[in-house]
Protein backbone atom coordinates (compact mmCIF):
# COMPACT_ATOMS: atom_id res chain seq x y z
CA MET A 1 12.38 -12.50 -1.17
CA MET A 2 12.44 -12.42 2.40
CA ASN A 3 9.56 -14.76 4.26
CA VAL A 4 9.67 -14.01 7.92
CA MET A 5 6.56 -16.51 9.86
CA THR A 6 4.34 -18.79 8.61
CA THR A 7 0.66 -18.69 9.57
CA THR A 8 -2.49 -20.30 8.62
CA ALA A 9 -4.81 -17.49 8.46
CA VAL A 10 -4.45 -14.53 6.34
CA ARG A 11 -5.01 -11.15 8.39
CA GLU A 12 -4.72 -7.74 7.25
CA ILE A 13 -2.78 -4.99 8.93
CA THR A 14 -3.36 -1.20 8.48
CA VAL A 15 0.15 0.74 8.22
CA ALA A 16 0.20 4.57 7.99
CA HIS A 17 2.99 6.67 7.59
CA SER A 18 4.05 9.80 6.14
CA PRO A 19 4.33 10.29 2.48
CA ASP A 20 8.10 11.71 2.71
CA SER A 21 11.48 9.89 1.78
CA ASP A 22 12.82 8.34 4.95
CA ASP A 23 9.67 6.56 5.66
CA ALA A 24 8.97 5.56 2.15
CA PHE A 25 12.65 3.85 2.53
CA MET A 26 11.93 2.55 5.84
CA PHE A 27 8.60 0.62 4.30
CA TYR A 28 10.12 -0.21 0.99
CA GLY A 29 10.51 -3.85 1.92
CA LEU A 30 6.92 -4.34 3.15
CA ALA A 31 5.32 -1.70 0.47
CA THR A 32 6.78 -3.27 -2.43
CA GLY A 33 6.66 -7.36 -1.59
CA LYS A 34 10.34 -7.73 -0.95
CA VAL A 35 9.87 -8.53 2.73
CA ARG A 36 6.28 -10.79 3.33
CA VAL A 37 4.80 -12.63 6.14
CA ALA A 38 2.32 -15.40 5.33
CA GLY A 39 -0.84 -15.18 6.95
CA ILE A 40 -0.14 -11.32 6.90
CA LYS A 41 -1.60 -8.26 3.91
CA PHE A 42 -0.09 -5.28 4.80
CA THR A 43 -2.29 -2.53 3.38
CA HIS A 44 -0.16 1.27 3.44
CA THR A 45 -1.86 4.94 4.08
CA LEU A 46 -0.06 8.12 3.35
CA CYS A 47 -1.05 10.86 5.22
CA ASP A 48 0.78 13.67 6.87
CA ILE A 49 2.31 13.08 10.46
CA GLU A 50 -0.57 15.82 12.07
CA THR A 51 -3.21 13.93 10.57
CA LEU A 52 -1.75 10.39 11.48
CA ASN A 53 -1.31 11.79 15.13
CA ARG A 54 -5.22 12.79 15.09
CA ALA A 55 -6.24 9.40 13.52
CA ALA A 56 -4.18 7.48 16.23
CA LEU A 57 -6.54 8.98 18.94
CA ALA A 58 -9.66 7.34 17.38
CA GLY A 59 -7.36 4.07 16.97
CA GLN A 60 -7.87 3.97 13.40
CA TYR A 61 -4.98 1.80 12.14
CA ASP A 62 -3.30 -1.20 13.40
CA VAL A 63 0.13 0.84 13.07
CA THR A 64 1.00 3.79 12.15
CA ALA A 65 3.57 6.57 12.54
CA ILE A 66 3.30 8.91 14.96
CA SER A 67 5.16 12.17 16.83
CA PHE A 68 6.12 10.76 20.30
CA HIS A 69 4.98 13.79 21.78
CA ALA A 70 1.19 12.59 20.83
CA TYR A 71 2.00 9.03 22.31
CA PRO A 72 0.84 10.06 25.86
CA TYR A 73 -2.49 10.94 24.13
CA ILE A 74 -2.88 7.32 22.93
CA GLN A 75 -0.99 4.89 25.08
CA GLU A 76 -3.64 3.22 26.48
CA ARG A 77 -4.95 1.90 23.08
CA TYR A 78 -1.17 1.56 21.50
CA ALA A 79 2.39 0.71 22.68
CA LEU A 80 5.50 1.66 20.72
CA LEU A 81 7.36 -1.03 18.55
CA THR A 82 11.19 -1.16 19.66
CA SER A 83 12.09 -0.05 15.50
CA GLY A 84 10.98 2.62 12.84
CA GLY A 85 11.95 5.57 15.08
CA SER A 86 13.18 8.61 13.65
CA VAL A 87 15.69 10.32 15.99
CA GLY A 88 17.92 13.40 15.80
CA GLU A 89 21.61 12.86 16.18
CA GLY A 90 22.23 16.65 17.74
CA TYR A 91 19.93 17.59 14.61
CA GLY A 92 16.33 18.15 14.66
CA PRO A 93 13.48 20.73 13.87
CA MET A 94 14.49 24.17 12.90
CA LEU A 95 13.41 27.75 13.80
CA VAL A 96 13.65 29.66 10.73
CA ALA A 97 13.21 33.09 10.00
CA SER A 98 12.71 35.24 7.07
CA LYS A 99 15.77 37.45 8.29
CA PRO A 100 18.87 36.85 10.56
CA LEU A 101 17.31 36.89 14.41
CA PRO A 102 18.28 35.49 17.46
CA PRO A 103 15.45 32.74 18.64
CA GLU A 104 14.38 34.58 21.68
CA GLN A 105 13.22 36.98 18.98
CA VAL A 106 11.77 34.62 16.84
CA THR A 107 9.94 32.83 19.23
CA ARG A 108 8.26 36.47 20.10
CA ARG A 109 7.06 36.29 16.40
CA THR A 110 3.67 34.28 15.68
CA VAL A 111 5.62 30.92 14.28
CA ALA A 112 3.78 28.78 11.80
CA VAL A 113 4.00 25.13 13.32
CA PRO A 114 3.09 21.79 11.79
CA GLY A 115 0.58 20.62 14.32
CA THR A 116 0.21 21.02 17.79
CA MET A 117 0.92 17.19 18.56
CA THR A 118 4.33 17.28 16.59
CA THR A 119 7.08 16.65 18.63
CA ALA A 120 8.86 19.75 16.84
CA TYR A 121 5.84 21.68 18.97
CA LEU A 122 6.38 20.06 22.32
CA ALA A 123 10.43 20.77 21.99
CA LEU A 124 9.13 24.55 20.43
CA LYS A 125 7.51 25.35 23.69
CA LEU A 126 9.82 23.16 26.06
CA TYR A 127 12.52 25.67 24.49
CA ASP A 128 10.15 28.52 25.02
CA ARG A 129 6.61 27.97 26.65
CA LYS A 130 5.44 31.37 25.93
CA ALA A 131 6.24 30.76 21.83
CA GLN A 132 3.57 31.87 19.62
CA THR A 133 2.23 29.35 17.48
CA GLU A 134 -0.29 29.02 14.61
CA VAL A 135 -1.17 25.37 13.23
CA VAL A 136 0.21 25.47 9.08
CA PRO A 137 0.51 22.16 6.98
CA PHE A 138 3.91 21.16 7.22
CA ASP A 139 5.07 21.66 3.82
CA GLU A 140 3.61 25.43 3.33
CA ILE A 141 5.42 26.71 6.00
CA ILE A 142 8.43 27.73 4.30
CA PRO A 143 6.34 28.77 1.19
CA GLN A 144 4.51 31.30 3.44
CA VAL A 145 7.54 32.35 6.04
CA LEU A 146 8.92 33.43 1.89
CA ALA A 147 5.32 35.35 0.99
CA GLY A 148 5.65 36.85 4.19
CA LYS A 149 2.49 35.71 5.82
CA TYR A 150 4.79 34.64 8.78
CA GLU A 151 7.93 35.83 10.12
CA ALA A 152 9.03 32.84 10.95
CA GLY A 153 8.15 28.71 10.63
CA LEU A 154 9.17 25.52 12.47
CA ILE A 155 10.01 23.07 9.89
CA ILE A 156 10.40 19.27 9.80
CA HIS A 157 11.58 17.10 6.95
CA GLU A 158 13.53 17.88 4.09
CA GLY A 159 12.56 21.50 5.01
CA GLN A 160 15.66 20.75 7.35
CA LEU A 161 17.50 20.90 4.19
CA THR A 162 16.31 22.98 1.70
CA PHE A 163 15.70 26.18 4.31
CA ALA A 164 18.29 27.85 3.32
CA LYS A 165 18.31 27.57 -0.61
CA SER A 166 15.08 29.11 0.13
CA GLY A 167 16.67 32.32 1.38
CA LEU A 168 15.66 31.50 4.81
CA HIS A 169 17.86 31.60 8.29
CA LYS A 170 18.08 29.66 10.61
CA ALA A 171 17.81 31.09 14.27
CA LEU A 172 17.70 27.31 16.79
CA ASP A 173 17.82 23.43 15.78
CA LEU A 174 15.71 22.35 18.13
CA GLY A 175 17.79 18.94 18.08
CA GLU A 176 20.88 20.49 18.96
CA TRP A 177 19.43 22.97 21.80
CA TRP A 178 18.03 19.32 23.11
CA ARG A 179 21.47 17.70 23.29
CA GLY A 180 22.63 20.93 24.93
CA GLN A 181 20.17 20.49 28.14
CA THR A 182 20.01 16.55 28.08
CA GLY A 183 23.06 14.95 26.42
CA LEU A 184 20.62 12.95 24.28
CA PRO A 185 19.54 13.07 21.28
CA LEU A 186 16.02 14.00 20.11
CA PRO A 187 13.22 11.57 19.77
CA LEU A 188 11.08 12.83 16.88
CA GLY A 189 8.46 10.11 15.76
CA GLY A 190 8.16 6.33 16.07
CA ASN A 191 5.92 3.71 15.10
CA ALA A 192 2.95 2.70 17.72
CA ILE A 193 0.88 -0.86 17.29
CA ARG A 194 -2.68 -1.02 18.55
CA ARG A 195 -2.76 -3.57 21.87
CA ASP A 196 -5.72 -5.70 21.17
CA LEU A 197 -3.65 -7.26 18.03
CA GLY A 198 -2.28 -9.94 20.70
CA PHE A 199 1.09 -11.04 21.53
CA GLU A 200 1.53 -13.26 19.04
CA LEU A 201 0.95 -10.96 16.14
CA THR A 202 2.28 -7.93 17.47
CA LEU A 203 5.55 -9.70 17.28
CA SER A 204 5.05 -11.37 13.57
CA VAL A 205 4.40 -7.03 12.76
CA SER A 206 6.77 -5.94 14.63
CA SER A 207 9.22 -8.57 13.12
CA ALA A 208 8.47 -7.69 9.80
CA LEU A 209 8.93 -3.32 10.21
CA LYS A 210 12.31 -4.38 11.37
CA HIS A 211 13.02 -6.92 8.34
CA SER A 212 12.10 -4.09 6.21
CA ILE A 213 14.22 -1.43 7.75
CA GLN A 214 17.40 -4.25 7.29
CA TYR A 215 15.76 -4.87 3.98
CA ALA A 216 16.06 -1.07 3.15
CA LEU A 217 19.52 -0.82 4.76
CA ASP A 218 20.74 -3.65 2.91
CA HIS A 219 19.78 -3.01 -0.72
CA ARG A 220 20.46 1.11 -0.29
CA THR A 221 20.80 1.81 -3.96
CA GLU A 222 17.17 0.28 -4.81
CA ALA A 223 15.33 1.60 -1.75
CA LEU A 224 16.34 5.01 -2.43
CA ALA A 225 15.25 4.93 -5.80
CA TYR A 226 11.90 4.05 -4.45
CA ALA A 227 12.00 6.57 -1.83
CA MET A 228 12.40 9.45 -4.58
CA GLN A 229 9.32 9.59 -5.55
CA PHE A 230 8.63 11.03 -1.95
CA ALA A 231 11.70 13.41 -1.83
CA ARG A 232 10.32 16.64 -2.42
CA ASP A 233 12.70 19.54 -3.89
CA LEU A 234 15.45 17.02 -2.95
CA ASP A 235 17.87 15.43 -5.53
CA THR A 236 19.24 12.58 -4.86
CA GLN A 237 22.43 13.30 -3.18
CA LEU A 238 20.31 15.77 -0.74
CA ALA A 239 17.59 12.31 -0.52
CA ASP A 240 20.44 10.06 0.15
CA LYS A 241 21.54 12.32 3.21
CA PHE A 242 18.48 13.23 4.81
CA VAL A 243 17.61 9.77 4.77
CA ALA A 244 20.66 8.31 6.49
CA MET A 245 19.83 11.17 9.21
CA TYR A 246 16.63 9.40 9.67
CA VAL A 247 17.07 5.92 9.00
CA ASN A 248 20.23 4.03 10.39
CA GLU A 249 21.22 1.68 13.21
CA ARG A 250 18.82 3.70 15.71
CA THR A 251 15.91 2.97 13.49
CA LEU A 252 16.53 -0.83 13.89
CA ASP A 253 16.73 -0.36 17.69
CA TYR A 254 16.06 2.31 20.07
CA GLY A 255 18.89 1.30 22.22
CA ASP A 256 18.95 2.20 26.07
CA GLU A 257 20.05 5.71 25.13
CA GLY A 258 16.86 6.51 22.62
CA ARG A 259 14.60 4.48 24.97
CA ARG A 260 15.83 7.27 28.17
CA ALA A 261 15.63 10.01 25.46
CA VAL A 262 11.86 9.28 24.33
CA GLU A 263 10.70 8.95 28.07
CA GLU A 264 13.06 12.30 29.56
CA LEU A 265 11.43 14.13 26.20
CA LEU A 266 7.72 13.03 27.92
CA ARG A 267 9.20 13.29 31.64
CA ARG A 268 9.70 16.91 30.76
CA GLY A 269 6.65 17.55 28.30
CA TYR A 270 4.30 16.37 31.47
CA ARG A 271 6.10 18.64 34.26
CA GLU A 272 6.14 21.64 32.19
CA GLY A 273 2.41 21.09 31.86
CA ILE A 274 2.72 20.83 28.13
CA ILE A 275 1.13 17.14 28.22
CA PRO A 276 -1.40 16.98 30.00
CA HIS A 277 -1.37 13.14 30.80
CA ALA A 278 1.61 11.16 32.94
CA PRO A 279 3.08 8.70 29.83
CA LYS A 280 3.72 5.41 31.00
CA VAL A 281 6.11 4.33 27.89
CA ASP A 282 5.44 0.90 26.69
CA TRP A 283 7.86 -0.80 24.19
CA VAL A 284 7.19 -3.87 22.68
CA GLY A 285 8.77 -6.11 20.02
């Protein structure tokens, strides 16, 4: 058992993240009580990322996973934690189609996207401002493209590893495209914390999350077994691969390059008129 710190009064901290194997792996220590903080009780809520983005607009949770695209909309109420990020190292959301097509033709079709506040959507719009889109729940995009309702989809989460098995064709990996444009990794999502928690509590929560990630990395087999209950359509080998893609040393700390990537992504989004608010990235913890 790992105890992070000692406090006197018990405080409930609401934590929200997506029901995906990488997030489950990351929060394994906290969710199962392997990592505890004296004086703090963590309660967990699982929602899809676009729902969490919208909830953050109202400050619903103390700590929440968000798409980086959503941060400028909530930056007055939340700061970004220095750990807990999902970053694509030359890979990321994928533009897929029901038949082989070059990406510039795919974006002339209506693309099913997982939400307009997702980083996937921002990256697609940075690639092609004129891309035609329609919002579809992320776990319905592949089935609806296969059913012919849409000719193309923008896929996130485990779909990045399973789309080919479904019979779809990759038109563009936006993480690869972003790397070619900037030389940087593509930051997809991170954890934000309410500013009104105060300095000491923020540091305690930040430390607890970082310890949870480290605990999972140090106890990979048991953490992966826990995460498997959230691994849609993945066997253990693929789930392990997916988790490794998005929970690693960069998740413990973005580092200078990772922070620069977040700032560059949001700066470009604002410059291109996709994001209406000038980003003011603030890191805590």
